[in-house]
Amino acid sequence: MTERKRHVRAAFDRAAPTYDAAAAVQRDICAQLLALAKAHSPQGPVGRLLDAGCGTGTGATELIDWLKPANTLALDFAPGMLARHPCHPRQHRVCGDLESLPLASESIDVVWSSLAVQWCNPGRTLAELGRVLKPGGPAWITTLGPDTLWELRDAFRGIDDAEHVIGFHPIDTWRQSAIQAGFQICATRQSPTAATADSLRQLLKDIKAIGAHQVGSGRRRKPLGKSAWRQLERTYEQHRRADARLPATYDVILLALQRTA
């Protein structure tokens, strides 16, 4: 496991107790993915569903209610998240890496993955999802694009030169990686989706509560001084919306894929 993945894993382990309470935007994105899935639904009953990067398990609840799979594999690489996943006779928790899935080839009927693959190498991850998916099986995925948290990136310019916001892969990279992994692309789209709060301090607290604060290089940075923090607040204030809320925009990429024969 790379140093960056260790940092991300530790961040999500720590965030597990606070994740569900702060994950309003994540639930919105899951609803968008569910709508995409229903527009590209599987043919016939679903035997085995993989929830790839399941977190606490709440994101796939409506999907499972809709598909009623015989079995669900809830996979995440953060043990703290898995520990909060509800126990169910037909849902099995698996601790694993999306780039090296501990699953047999062609053993999965349907793949669902919401806001997990952005932490991974696109080529390796989609190759693994394609390997475990049965021919003809659908994969519904959300990830994050390079404009994620652009307001925060802009606000930090002039404060320091640290990498406060990671540059996620663009949609073309995901399209190319999907084709190389043996997928047919059924649909793709980008959907900017904003989390909001009354203040920058609360906005950053909410980001930390879902584990997404671990978005930089992983290098230890000096805490902001009072002057720098005031400057950051003033700069971010220009993004305040008409409803008096401050946004943090997620550049959401949605993919509906189907594994070719």
Foldseek 3Di string as FASTA:
>chain_A
DDPLVVLLLVLQLVLLVLAVVLPPLLLVQLVVLVVVCVVVDADDAFAEEEAAQCFLPPSCVVVCVVRVYQAYEDEHQRVSRQVNHDDDPRYHYDHDDLLDDPAAFQQGQEYEYEADCQSDDLLSNLLSVLRNHHAFHKYKYKYFAQCFQVLLVVLCVVLDDFFQAAHTHHPVSNVVSNVVSQKDFPDKDKDKTKDKDLFPVVVVVSCSSNSNSSGGPSDDDDDDDPVSVVSSRVSQVVQQDPVNIRIGITGMMITMIGHHD
